[in-house]
Structures are given as C-alpha cells and as structure tokens.
Amino acid sequence: MIYLSGYDETNKVLFAMQVAEESGKVLWSKTVASVSALPRRNVIASPSPVADAEGAVFTFSTGIIVRFSREGKEIWRRDLVADYGPISVDWSYSSS
C-alpha cells in the first residue's frame, strides 16, 4: 500500500489517500479538513504519511494529525493549533 496526502485546490480541502502499489488504483480517499488560508512559502500537505501494518498517520502543516486504518476508517485525530496555539514557522510546517 502507498499512502499519500494532498491539497485539493478546487474544493479547498486536505485529503489522505491509499493507493495500490501494483496498479496505482486509489483504494480510498478521505477529506481531512477544509482550508481557508494557505501558507505563502510551502505546500500545505508537505509532511509524508507514516505507515505500519495497521494503517497510516497523516500530518498537515495546519497542525492536524490524523490516523486512518488500512481500510480508511479514522482512528484518531489531533489539532496541534487548537491544543497549543499557532505554529510559527516561516516556511510552514513540514516533516518527512
């Protein structure tokens, strides 16, 4: 399985998805959050998802962290900005 995160510019939403590595077929795609403002210097979905046998964790530069099962069920979610305040990084948050 391949896990990807992204930003849908048309609908202004962050998404998480799982793709079959053999065929490239999208197995599931989930909207994570709506976005009203984009960072000026970085892609909002820059951080890479982290996966294990159970599913994947997706982190976005908005401070949202969400875990999905392999089947695409949301397991848990955190919002770092809501918990700790604004992220103040010049280039927006990203990690891989």
N, C-alpha and C. Protein backbone atom coordinates (compact mmCIF):
# COMPACT_ATOMS: atom_id res chain seq x y z
N MET A 1 0.83 -1.17 0.00
CA MET A 1 0.00 0.00 0.00
C MET A 1 0.88 1.25 0.00
N ILE A 2 0.42 2.26 -0.67
CA ILE A 2 1.10 3.56 -0.69
C ILE A 2 0.11 4.57 -0.11
N TYR A 3 0.59 5.39 0.82
CA TYR A 3 -0.24 6.42 1.42
C TYR A 3 0.26 7.78 0.95
N LEU A 4 -0.68 8.64 0.56
CA LEU A 4 -0.36 9.98 0.08
C LEU A 4 -1.26 11.00 0.75
N SER A 5 -0.73 12.20 0.92
CA SER A 5 -1.55 13.31 1.41
C SER A 5 -1.50 14.40 0.36
N GLY A 6 -2.51 15.27 0.38
CA GLY A 6 -2.53 16.32 -0.62
C GLY A 6 -3.51 17.42 -0.29
N TYR A 7 -3.52 18.40 -1.18
CA TYR A 7 -4.43 19.53 -1.07
C TYR A 7 -5.20 19.63 -2.38
N ASP A 8 -6.52 19.61 -2.30
CA ASP A 8 -7.39 19.75 -3.46
C ASP A 8 -7.73 21.23 -3.60
N GLU A 9 -7.09 21.89 -4.56
CA GLU A 9 -7.25 23.33 -4.74
C GLU A 9 -8.67 23.72 -5.15
N THR A 10 -9.33 22.89 -5.93
CA THR A 10 -10.69 23.19 -6.38
C THR A 10 -11.66 23.25 -5.21
N ASN A 11 -11.59 22.25 -4.32
CA ASN A 11 -12.51 22.17 -3.20
C ASN A 11 -11.96 22.76 -1.90
N LYS A 12 -10.68 23.18 -1.92
CA LYS A 12 -10.03 23.79 -0.74
C LYS A 12 -10.05 22.86 0.47
N VAL A 13 -9.67 21.58 0.26
CA VAL A 13 -9.62 20.61 1.34
C VAL A 13 -8.30 19.85 1.34
N LEU A 14 -7.92 19.41 2.53
CA LEU A 14 -6.80 18.49 2.69
C LEU A 14 -7.35 17.08 2.58
N PHE A 15 -6.57 16.16 1.99
CA PHE A 15 -7.05 14.79 1.90
C PHE A 15 -5.93 13.80 2.19
N ALA A 16 -6.35 12.60 2.56
CA ALA A 16 -5.45 11.46 2.78
C ALA A 16 -5.95 10.35 1.87
N MET A 17 -5.02 9.58 1.31
CA MET A 17 -5.46 8.50 0.41
C MET A 17 -4.52 7.31 0.49
N GLN A 18 -5.08 6.18 0.08
CA GLN A 18 -4.32 4.94 -0.03
C GLN A 18 -4.40 4.48 -1.48
N VAL A 19 -3.25 4.10 -2.04
CA VAL A 19 -3.16 3.68 -3.43
C VAL A 19 -2.54 2.29 -3.48
N ALA A 20 -3.06 1.44 -4.35
CA ALA A 20 -2.48 0.11 -4.54
C ALA A 20 -1.16 0.24 -5.28
N GLU A 21 -0.12 -0.33 -4.72
CA GLU A 21 1.21 -0.17 -5.34
C GLU A 21 1.33 -0.89 -6.68
N GLU A 22 0.59 -1.96 -6.88
CA GLU A 22 0.69 -2.72 -8.13
C GLU A 22 0.00 -2.01 -9.29
N SER A 23 -1.19 -1.46 -9.04
CA SER A 23 -2.00 -0.91 -10.13
C SER A 23 -2.09 0.60 -10.13
N GLY A 24 -1.80 1.24 -8.98
CA GLY A 24 -1.98 2.68 -8.87
C GLY A 24 -3.42 3.08 -8.62
N LYS A 25 -4.30 2.10 -8.45
CA LYS A 25 -5.72 2.36 -8.19
C LYS A 25 -5.89 3.00 -6.81
N VAL A 26 -6.69 4.06 -6.73
CA VAL A 26 -6.99 4.69 -5.45
C VAL A 26 -7.97 3.77 -4.71
N LEU A 27 -7.53 3.28 -3.54
CA LEU A 27 -8.37 2.37 -2.75
C LEU A 27 -9.32 3.15 -1.86
N TRP A 28 -8.86 4.26 -1.33
CA TRP A 28 -9.74 5.18 -0.60
C TRP A 28 -9.09 6.55 -0.55
N SER A 29 -9.95 7.56 -0.43
CA SER A 29 -9.51 8.95 -0.29
C SER A 29 -10.46 9.61 0.69
N LYS A 30 -9.90 10.26 1.71
CA LYS A 30 -10.71 10.87 2.77
C LYS A 30 -10.39 12.35 2.89
N THR A 31 -11.43 13.17 2.99
CA THR A 31 -11.24 14.58 3.28
C THR A 31 -10.88 14.71 4.75
N VAL A 32 -9.81 15.44 5.04
CA VAL A 32 -9.34 15.60 6.42
C VAL A 32 -9.82 16.93 7.00
N ALA A 33 -9.75 18.00 6.23
CA ALA A 33 -10.16 19.32 6.73
C ALA A 33 -10.32 20.30 5.59
N SER A 34 -11.16 21.30 5.81
CA SER A 34 -11.26 22.43 4.89
C SER A 34 -10.15 23.41 5.23
N VAL A 35 -9.72 24.16 4.22
CA VAL A 35 -8.63 25.12 4.42
C VAL A 35 -9.06 26.48 3.90
N SER A 36 -8.93 27.49 4.74
CA SER A 36 -9.33 28.84 4.31
C SER A 36 -8.14 29.67 3.85
N ALA A 37 -6.96 29.45 4.43
CA ALA A 37 -5.77 30.23 4.05
C ALA A 37 -4.60 29.27 3.84
N LEU A 38 -3.83 29.53 2.81
CA LEU A 38 -2.67 28.69 2.50
C LEU A 38 -1.39 29.38 2.95
N PRO A 39 -0.37 28.59 3.35
CA PRO A 39 0.92 29.20 3.67
C PRO A 39 1.52 29.82 2.42
N ARG A 40 2.30 30.85 2.59
CA ARG A 40 2.87 31.54 1.44
C ARG A 40 4.05 30.81 0.83
N ARG A 41 4.80 30.06 1.61
CA ARG A 41 6.09 29.55 1.12
C ARG A 41 6.20 28.04 1.05
N ASN A 42 5.15 27.31 1.30
CA ASN A 42 5.28 25.86 1.34
C ASN A 42 3.96 25.22 0.95
N VAL A 43 4.01 23.98 0.57
CA VAL A 43 2.81 23.21 0.26
C VAL A 43 2.19 22.74 1.56
N ILE A 44 0.91 22.91 1.71
CA ILE A 44 0.21 22.63 2.96
C ILE A 44 0.19 21.14 3.33
N ALA A 45 0.41 20.27 2.36
CA ALA A 45 0.42 18.83 2.60
C ALA A 45 1.83 18.25 2.43
N SER A 46 2.85 19.02 2.80
CA SER A 46 4.24 18.58 2.63
C SER A 46 4.66 17.38 3.47
N PRO A 47 4.21 17.27 4.73
CA PRO A 47 4.69 16.14 5.53
C PRO A 47 4.29 14.79 4.93
N SER A 48 5.22 13.84 5.01
CA SER A 48 4.96 12.49 4.48
C SER A 48 4.16 11.66 5.48
N PRO A 49 3.19 10.88 5.01
CA PRO A 49 2.49 9.96 5.91
C PRO A 49 3.46 8.90 6.45
N VAL A 50 3.16 8.40 7.63
CA VAL A 50 3.95 7.33 8.25
C VAL A 50 3.03 6.13 8.39
N ALA A 51 3.46 4.96 7.88
CA ALA A 51 2.60 3.79 7.85
C ALA A 51 3.19 2.61 8.61
N ASP A 52 2.30 1.77 9.09
CA ASP A 52 2.66 0.47 9.64
C ASP A 52 1.64 -0.54 9.12
N ALA A 53 1.66 -1.75 9.63
CA ALA A 53 0.75 -2.80 9.14
C ALA A 53 -0.72 -2.48 9.42
N GLU A 54 -0.99 -1.61 10.37
CA GLU A 54 -2.36 -1.30 10.76
C GLU A 54 -2.98 -0.15 9.98
N GLY A 55 -2.16 0.73 9.39
CA GLY A 55 -2.67 1.90 8.68
C GLY A 55 -1.62 2.98 8.58
N ALA A 56 -2.04 4.26 8.66
CA ALA A 56 -1.09 5.35 8.48
C ALA A 56 -1.51 6.58 9.28
N VAL A 57 -0.51 7.40 9.62
CA VAL A 57 -0.72 8.68 10.28
C VAL A 57 -0.34 9.77 9.29
N PHE A 58 -1.22 10.75 9.15
CA PHE A 58 -1.03 11.86 8.23
C PHE A 58 -0.89 13.14 9.04
N THR A 59 0.12 13.94 8.74
CA THR A 59 0.33 15.23 9.39
C THR A 59 0.28 16.32 8.33
N PHE A 60 -0.40 17.40 8.64
CA PHE A 60 -0.51 18.51 7.70
C PHE A 60 0.05 19.77 8.34
N SER A 61 0.47 20.72 7.53
CA SER A 61 1.09 21.95 8.06
C SER A 61 0.09 22.84 8.79
N THR A 62 -1.18 22.47 8.78
CA THR A 62 -2.19 23.19 9.55
C THR A 62 -2.14 22.79 11.02
N GLY A 63 -1.38 21.72 11.34
CA GLY A 63 -1.31 21.20 12.70
C GLY A 63 -2.22 20.01 12.92
N ILE A 64 -2.96 19.60 11.91
CA ILE A 64 -3.84 18.44 12.04
C ILE A 64 -3.03 17.17 11.84
N ILE A 65 -3.22 16.23 12.78
CA ILE A 65 -2.63 14.89 12.68
C ILE A 65 -3.78 13.91 12.79
N VAL A 66 -3.86 12.97 11.85
CA VAL A 66 -4.97 12.01 11.84
C VAL A 66 -4.46 10.62 11.48
N ARG A 67 -5.00 9.62 12.16
CA ARG A 67 -4.64 8.23 11.85
C ARG A 67 -5.83 7.54 11.21
N PHE A 68 -5.54 6.84 10.09
CA PHE A 68 -6.54 6.03 9.41
C PHE A 68 -6.11 4.57 9.43
N SER A 69 -7.08 3.67 9.53
CA SER A 69 -6.80 2.24 9.42
C SER A 69 -6.50 1.91 7.96
N ARG A 70 -6.04 0.71 7.70
CA ARG A 70 -5.80 0.28 6.32
C ARG A 70 -7.07 0.35 5.48
N GLU A 71 -8.21 0.20 6.12
CA GLU A 71 -9.49 0.23 5.42
C GLU A 71 -10.02 1.65 5.22
N GLY A 72 -9.33 2.65 5.76
CA GLY A 72 -9.75 4.04 5.58
C GLY A 72 -10.64 4.58 6.68
N LYS A 73 -10.73 3.87 7.80
CA LYS A 73 -11.53 4.35 8.93
C LYS A 73 -10.66 5.28 9.79
N GLU A 74 -11.21 6.45 10.14
CA GLU A 74 -10.47 7.36 11.02
C GLU A 74 -10.42 6.77 12.42
N ILE A 75 -9.20 6.64 12.96
CA ILE A 75 -8.99 6.06 14.29
C ILE A 75 -8.90 7.15 15.34
N TRP A 76 -8.10 8.17 15.09
CA TRP A 76 -7.99 9.31 15.99
C TRP A 76 -7.51 10.53 15.23
N ARG A 77 -7.65 11.70 15.91
CA ARG A 77 -7.29 12.98 15.29
C ARG A 77 -6.84 13.93 16.40
N ARG A 78 -5.82 14.74 16.08
CA ARG A 78 -5.37 15.82 16.97
C ARG A 78 -5.23 17.08 16.14
N ASP A 79 -5.44 18.21 16.77
CA ASP A 79 -5.24 19.51 16.14
C ASP A 79 -4.25 20.27 17.01
N LEU A 80 -2.99 20.31 16.61
CA LEU A 80 -1.94 20.92 17.42
C LEU A 80 -2.15 22.42 17.63
N VAL A 81 -2.73 23.09 16.64
CA VAL A 81 -3.00 24.52 16.77
C VAL A 81 -4.08 24.74 17.83
N ALA A 82 -5.12 23.93 17.83
CA ALA A 82 -6.17 24.05 18.84
C ALA A 82 -5.62 23.73 20.23
N ASP A 83 -4.72 22.74 20.31
CA ASP A 83 -4.16 22.32 21.59
C ASP A 83 -3.09 23.26 22.13
N TYR A 84 -2.23 23.80 21.24
CA TYR A 84 -1.05 24.54 21.70
C TYR A 84 -0.90 25.94 21.14
N GLY A 85 -1.75 26.36 20.23
CA GLY A 85 -1.64 27.68 19.64
C GLY A 85 -1.03 27.64 18.26
N PRO A 86 -0.97 28.79 17.59
CA PRO A 86 -0.48 28.86 16.21
C PRO A 86 0.95 28.33 16.05
N ILE A 87 1.17 27.70 14.90
CA ILE A 87 2.52 27.25 14.53
C ILE A 87 3.21 28.43 13.88
N SER A 88 4.36 28.82 14.41
CA SER A 88 5.04 30.00 13.87
C SER A 88 6.38 29.59 13.25
N VAL A 89 6.29 29.08 12.05
CA VAL A 89 7.47 28.69 11.27
C VAL A 89 7.40 29.44 9.95
N ASP A 90 8.49 30.13 9.58
CA ASP A 90 8.49 30.94 8.36
C ASP A 90 8.04 30.19 7.11
N TRP A 91 8.45 28.94 6.95
CA TRP A 91 8.19 28.21 5.72
C TRP A 91 7.04 27.24 5.87
N SER A 92 6.26 27.31 6.93
CA SER A 92 5.19 26.39 7.24
C SER A 92 5.80 25.09 7.75
N TYR A 93 4.99 24.26 8.34
CA TYR A 93 5.47 23.03 8.95
C TYR A 93 5.55 21.94 7.90
N SER A 94 6.66 21.20 7.89
CA SER A 94 6.75 20.00 7.06
C SER A 94 7.76 19.06 7.67
N SER A 95 7.53 17.79 7.47
CA SER A 95 8.41 16.78 8.02
C SER A 95 8.26 15.51 7.20
N SER A 96 9.36 14.80 7.03
CA SER A 96 9.32 13.51 6.32
C SER A 96 10.24 12.55 7.00
